[in-house]
Amino acid sequence: MTRTTAALAAFMLGAGLFLTACGPTHEGAGQAKPAGNSSADTQQLQQMQQKVDSAESAAAQAESDATQNN
């Protein structure tokens, strides 16, 4: 395993843990959310999707760089 591959794996693991920690929290089984939260939920979902897209882009760039260097 090259250093670049190890760094990429560590980055992806860290990004996954970060996104998991920043995700929605459990508010209790069987409890309905108030209707006013749908806008906040949509915004949070969009922010999380942007973070995932950024992580995927960074991983693809790192892989490309590693391929060019080898």
Protein backbone atom coordinates (compact mmCIF):
# COMPACT_ATOMS: atom_id res chain seq x y z
CA MET A 1 0.00 0.00 0.00
CA THR A 2 1.53 3.30 -1.01
CA ARG A 3 1.52 6.35 1.20
CA THR A 4 -0.95 8.08 -1.12
CA THR A 5 -3.36 5.16 -0.92
CA ALA A 6 -3.03 5.05 2.86
CA ALA A 7 -3.60 8.82 3.07
CA LEU A 8 -6.64 8.52 0.82
CA ALA A 9 -8.06 5.71 2.95
CA ALA A 10 -7.49 7.71 6.13
CA PHE A 11 -9.13 10.77 4.57
CA MET A 12 -12.19 8.81 3.46
CA LEU A 13 -12.51 7.19 6.89
CA GLY A 14 -12.24 10.58 8.58
CA ALA A 15 -14.77 12.12 6.19
CA GLY A 16 -17.18 9.25 6.84
CA LEU A 17 -16.87 9.65 10.59
CA PHE A 18 -17.29 13.42 10.34
CA LEU A 19 -20.42 13.10 8.21
CA THR A 20 -21.83 10.47 10.55
CA ALA A 21 -21.27 12.73 13.55
CA CYS A 22 -22.89 15.68 11.79
CA GLY A 23 -25.92 13.71 10.67
CA PRO A 24 -29.45 13.93 11.98
CA THR A 25 -29.99 12.79 15.54
CA HIS A 26 -32.58 10.35 16.80
CA GLU A 27 -35.50 12.23 18.35
CA GLY A 28 -37.34 9.25 19.73
CA ALA A 29 -39.19 6.35 18.21
CA GLY A 30 -42.68 7.02 17.00
CA GLN A 31 -42.53 10.76 17.54
CA ALA A 32 -43.50 12.89 14.58
CA LYS A 33 -41.43 15.95 13.78
CA PRO A 34 -43.18 19.29 13.66
CA ALA A 35 -44.05 20.38 10.13
CA GLY A 36 -41.80 23.46 10.40
CA ASN A 37 -38.61 21.34 10.33
CA SER A 38 -38.97 20.23 6.71
CA SER A 39 -37.11 23.31 5.42
CA ALA A 40 -34.31 22.83 7.97
CA ASP A 41 -34.11 19.13 7.11
CA THR A 42 -33.88 19.93 3.39
CA GLN A 43 -31.13 22.45 4.01
CA GLN A 44 -29.18 20.00 6.18
CA LEU A 45 -29.56 17.31 3.52
CA GLN A 46 -28.20 19.66 0.86
CA GLN A 47 -25.23 20.60 3.06
CA MET A 48 -24.45 16.95 3.74
CA GLN A 49 -24.68 16.16 0.02
CA GLN A 50 -22.23 18.97 -0.75
CA LYS A 51 -19.80 17.55 1.82
CA VAL A 52 -20.08 14.08 0.31
CA ASP A 53 -19.57 15.49 -3.20
CA SER A 54 -16.51 17.41 -2.01
CA ALA A 55 -15.05 14.31 -0.36
CA GLU A 56 -15.64 12.25 -3.52
CA SER A 57 -14.02 14.95 -5.65
CA ALA A 58 -11.00 15.12 -3.34
CA ALA A 59 -10.68 11.34 -3.39
CA ALA A 60 -10.86 11.26 -7.19
CA GLN A 61 -8.22 14.00 -7.43
CA ALA A 62 -5.95 12.16 -4.99
CA GLU A 63 -6.35 8.95 -6.98
CA SER A 64 -5.58 10.80 -10.22
CA ASP A 65 -2.50 12.37 -8.67
CA ALA A 66 -1.34 9.00 -7.36
CA THR A 67 -1.81 7.42 -10.79
CA GLN A 68 0.22 10.17 -12.46
CA ASN A 69 3.02 9.85 -9.88
CA ASN A 70 3.35 6.06 -10.30
